[in-house]
């Protein structure tokens, strides 16, 4: 499976790079947060799920079968959805960071939609 995605405008997107950049954004954002009793567990969960999206995508990209690929892409989607949850909790605990969290939330939402589309496309192609 290739990690290059073609869009209608003929631009290629490297999903491996995009998920890695997202993980870096998660780390950079987390470093700016105050480490108190409420934030510490939220930050830990947020970093774990946010950085695992890229790692799981790399596993999916090297999948041994279509079924393995679909399973690993499903994990990417689940981790992205979980990341969105932790980001929401962090925004609630840190109202001063809401504006900064919005850019992360948008990118996270796009990743969820991309993985959903990949799952749907790979399932429809396997029925042909």
C-alpha atoms as a PDB file:
ATOM      1  CA  UNK A   1       0.000   0.000   0.000  1.00  0.00           C
ATOM      2  CA  UNK A   2       1.335   3.443  -0.841  1.00  0.00           C
ATOM      3  CA  UNK A   3       1.256   6.339   1.548  1.00  0.00           C
ATOM      4  CA  UNK A   4       0.730   8.822  -1.269  1.00  0.00           C
ATOM      5  CA  UNK A   5      -2.829  10.068  -1.589  1.00  0.00           C
ATOM      6  CA  UNK A   6      -3.968  11.734  -4.793  1.00  0.00           C
ATOM      7  CA  UNK A   7      -6.518  14.526  -4.534  1.00  0.00           C
ATOM      8  CA  UNK A   8      -8.650  16.031  -7.315  1.00  0.00           C
ATOM      9  CA  UNK A   9      -6.185  18.927  -7.813  1.00  0.00           C
ATOM     10  CA  UNK A  10      -3.401  16.441  -8.699  1.00  0.00           C
ATOM     11  CA  UNK A  11      -1.439  17.208  -5.532  1.00  0.00           C
ATOM     12  CA  UNK A  12       0.076  14.269  -3.714  1.00  0.00           C
ATOM     13  CA  UNK A  13      -0.054  14.167   0.046  1.00  0.00           C
ATOM     14  CA  UNK A  14       2.294  12.054   2.082  1.00  0.00           C
ATOM     15  CA  UNK A  15       0.142  10.772   4.922  1.00  0.00           C
ATOM     16  CA  UNK A  16       3.176   9.381   6.738  1.00  0.00           C
ATOM     17  CA  UNK A  17       4.671  12.883   6.874  1.00  0.00           C
ATOM     18  CA  UNK A  18       1.348  14.484   7.754  1.00  0.00           C
ATOM     19  CA  UNK A  19       0.749  12.159  10.698  1.00  0.00           C
ATOM     20  CA  UNK A  20       4.342  12.669  11.890  1.00  0.00           C
ATOM     21  CA  UNK A  21       3.911  16.451  11.734  1.00  0.00           C
ATOM     22  CA  UNK A  22       0.661  16.116  13.663  1.00  0.00           C
ATOM     23  CA  UNK A  23       2.458  14.142  16.372  1.00  0.00           C
ATOM     24  CA  UNK A  24       5.087  16.877  16.547  1.00  0.00           C
ATOM     25  CA  UNK A  25       2.332  19.495  16.884  1.00  0.00           C
ATOM     26  CA  UNK A  26       0.827  17.471  19.733  1.00  0.00           C
ATOM     27  CA  UNK A  27       4.184  17.384  21.540  1.00  0.00           C
ATOM     28  CA  UNK A  28       4.817  21.106  20.997  1.00  0.00           C
ATOM     29  CA  UNK A  29       1.343  22.017  22.254  1.00  0.00           C
ATOM     30  CA  UNK A  30       1.623  19.734  25.292  1.00  0.00           C
ATOM     31  CA  UNK A  31       4.917  21.378  26.281  1.00  0.00           C
ATOM     32  CA  UNK A  32       3.111  24.718  26.584  1.00  0.00           C
ATOM     33  CA  UNK A  33       0.575  23.417  29.085  1.00  0.00           C
ATOM     34  CA  UNK A  34       0.908  23.932  32.820  1.00  0.00           C
ATOM     35  CA  UNK A  35       1.683  20.599  34.513  1.00  0.00           C
ATOM     36  CA  UNK A  36      -0.787  20.367  37.395  1.00  0.00           C
ATOM     37  CA  UNK A  37      -2.882  17.555  38.839  1.00  0.00           C
ATOM     38  CA  UNK A  38      -5.596  17.941  36.226  1.00  0.00           C
ATOM     39  CA  UNK A  39      -3.409  18.468  33.173  1.00  0.00           C
ATOM     40  CA  UNK A  40      -0.802  15.773  33.786  1.00  0.00           C
ATOM     41  CA  UNK A  41      -3.038  12.755  33.061  1.00  0.00           C
ATOM     42  CA  UNK A  42      -4.769  14.559  30.184  1.00  0.00           C
ATOM     43  CA  UNK A  43      -1.434  15.484  28.610  1.00  0.00           C
ATOM     44  CA  UNK A  44      -0.113  11.916  28.968  1.00  0.00           C
ATOM     45  CA  UNK A  45      -3.150  10.425  27.245  1.00  0.00           C
ATOM     46  CA  UNK A  46      -3.151  13.147  24.584  1.00  0.00           C
ATOM     47  CA  UNK A  47       0.509  12.571  23.730  1.00  0.00           C
ATOM     48  CA  UNK A  48       0.099   8.791  23.664  1.00  0.00           C
ATOM     49  CA  UNK A  49      -2.862   8.805  21.299  1.00  0.00           C
ATOM     50  CA  UNK A  50      -1.739  11.783  19.200  1.00  0.00           C
ATOM     51  CA  UNK A  51       1.719  10.395  18.482  1.00  0.00           C
ATOM     52  CA  UNK A  52       0.519   6.844  17.931  1.00  0.00           C
ATOM     53  CA  UNK A  53      -1.517   7.849  14.881  1.00  0.00           C
ATOM     54  CA  UNK A  54       1.643   8.152  12.792  1.00  0.00           C
ATOM     55  CA  UNK A  55       3.205   5.000  14.209  1.00  0.00           C
ATOM     56  CA  UNK A  56       0.075   2.998  13.430  1.00  0.00           C
ATOM     57  CA  UNK A  57      -0.101   4.511   9.962  1.00  0.00           C
ATOM     58  CA  UNK A  58       3.455   3.370   9.278  1.00  0.00           C
ATOM     59  CA  UNK A  59       2.420  -0.140  10.325  1.00  0.00           C
ATOM     60  CA  UNK A  60      -0.598   0.046   8.019  1.00  0.00           C
ATOM     61  CA  UNK A  61       1.595   1.227   5.161  1.00  0.00           C
ATOM     62  CA  UNK A  62       3.682  -1.917   5.601  1.00  0.00           C
ATOM     63  CA  UNK A  63       0.700  -4.219   6.059  1.00  0.00           C
ATOM     64  CA  UNK A  64       1.066  -7.826   4.952  1.00  0.00           C
ATOM     65  CA  UNK A  65      -2.457  -8.173   3.588  1.00  0.00           C
ATOM     66  CA  UNK A  66      -5.536  -6.124   2.767  1.00  0.00           C
ATOM     67  CA  UNK A  67      -7.210  -7.328   5.959  1.00  0.00           C
ATOM     68  CA  UNK A  68      -4.137  -6.335   7.994  1.00  0.00           C
ATOM     69  CA  UNK A  69      -4.139  -2.915   6.274  1.00  0.00           C
ATOM     70  CA  UNK A  70      -7.821  -2.334   7.034  1.00  0.00           C
ATOM     71  CA  UNK A  71      -7.318  -3.327  10.669  1.00  0.00           C
ATOM     72  CA  UNK A  72      -4.339  -1.007  11.158  1.00  0.00           C
ATOM     73  CA  UNK A  73      -6.028   1.918   9.415  1.00  0.00           C
ATOM     74  CA  UNK A  74      -8.969   1.301  11.752  1.00  0.00           C
ATOM     75  CA  UNK A  75      -6.566   1.676  14.689  1.00  0.00           C
ATOM     76  CA  UNK A  76      -5.331   4.970  13.189  1.00  0.00           C
ATOM     77  CA  UNK A  77      -8.897   6.228  13.080  1.00  0.00           C
ATOM     78  CA  UNK A  78      -9.589   5.109  16.651  1.00  0.00           C
ATOM     79  CA  UNK A  79      -6.433   6.822  17.933  1.00  0.00           C
ATOM     80  CA  UNK A  80      -7.326  10.014  16.074  1.00  0.00           C
ATOM     81  CA  UNK A  81     -10.812   9.997  17.571  1.00  0.00           C
ATOM     82  CA  UNK A  82      -9.350   9.432  21.029  1.00  0.00           C
ATOM     83  CA  UNK A  83      -6.928  12.310  20.469  1.00  0.00           C
ATOM     84  CA  UNK A  84      -9.889  14.565  19.698  1.00  0.00           C
ATOM     85  CA  UNK A  85     -11.456  13.593  23.015  1.00  0.00           C
ATOM     86  CA  UNK A  86      -8.303  14.394  25.002  1.00  0.00           C
ATOM     87  CA  UNK A  87      -7.905  17.665  23.134  1.00  0.00           C
ATOM     88  CA  UNK A  88     -11.431  18.621  24.139  1.00  0.00           C
ATOM     89  CA  UNK A  89     -10.666  17.844  27.778  1.00  0.00           C
ATOM     90  CA  UNK A  90      -7.423  19.840  27.608  1.00  0.00           C
ATOM     91  CA  UNK A  91      -9.268  22.806  26.100  1.00  0.00           C
ATOM     92  CA  UNK A  92     -11.768  22.649  28.973  1.00  0.00           C
ATOM     93  CA  UNK A  93      -8.997  22.488  31.580  1.00  0.00           C
ATOM     94  CA  UNK A  94      -7.031  25.288  29.863  1.00  0.00           C
ATOM     95  CA  UNK A  95      -9.435  27.943  28.569  1.00  0.00           C
ATOM     96  CA  UNK A  96      -6.478  30.182  27.726  1.00  0.00           C
ATOM     97  CA  UNK A  97      -5.346  27.606  25.120  1.00  0.00           C
ATOM     98  CA  UNK A  98      -8.648  27.223  23.269  1.00  0.00           C
ATOM     99  CA  UNK A  99      -7.571  29.233  20.223  1.00  0.00           C
ATOM    100  CA  UNK A 100      -4.348  27.257  19.926  1.00  0.00           C
ATOM    101  CA  UNK A 101      -6.174  23.960  20.347  1.00  0.00           C
ATOM    102  CA  UNK A 102      -8.545  24.752  17.452  1.00  0.00           C
ATOM    103  CA  UNK A 103      -5.842  24.311  14.796  1.00  0.00           C
ATOM    104  CA  UNK A 104      -4.929  20.952  16.298  1.00  0.00           C
ATOM    105  CA  UNK A 105      -8.591  19.964  16.469  1.00  0.00           C
ATOM    106  CA  UNK A 106      -9.104  20.823  12.777  1.00  0.00           C
ATOM    107  CA  UNK A 107      -6.099  18.785  11.677  1.00  0.00           C
ATOM    108  CA  UNK A 108      -7.167  15.916  13.922  1.00  0.00           C
ATOM    109  CA  UNK A 109     -10.674  16.001  12.460  1.00  0.00           C
ATOM    110  CA  UNK A 110      -9.252  15.901   8.933  1.00  0.00           C
ATOM    111  CA  UNK A 111      -7.165  12.854   9.859  1.00  0.00           C
ATOM    112  CA  UNK A 112     -10.279  11.088  11.200  1.00  0.00           C
ATOM    113  CA  UNK A 113     -12.072  11.832   7.921  1.00  0.00           C
ATOM    114  CA  UNK A 114      -9.092  10.681   5.837  1.00  0.00           C
ATOM    115  CA  UNK A 115      -8.847   7.388   7.706  1.00  0.00           C
ATOM    116  CA  UNK A 116     -12.625   6.914   7.447  1.00  0.00           C
ATOM    117  CA  UNK A 117     -12.396   7.438   3.697  1.00  0.00           C
ATOM    118  CA  UNK A 118      -9.491   4.998   3.373  1.00  0.00           C
ATOM    119  CA  UNK A 119     -11.442   2.381   5.310  1.00  0.00           C
ATOM    120  CA  UNK A 120     -14.567   2.883   3.189  1.00  0.00           C
ATOM    121  CA  UNK A 121     -12.597   2.804  -0.077  1.00  0.00           C
ATOM    122  CA  UNK A 122     -10.641  -0.302   0.854  1.00  0.00           C
ATOM    123  CA  UNK A 123     -13.820  -2.130   1.854  1.00  0.00           C
ATOM    124  CA  UNK A 124     -15.671  -1.194  -1.331  1.00  0.00           C
ATOM    125  CA  UNK A 125     -12.743  -2.281  -3.495  1.00  0.00           C
ATOM    126  CA  UNK A 126     -12.563  -5.649  -1.763  1.00  0.00           C
ATOM    127  CA  UNK A 127     -16.231  -6.324  -2.696  1.00  0.00           C
ATOM    128  CA  UNK A 128     -15.568  -5.878  -6.437  1.00  0.00           C
END
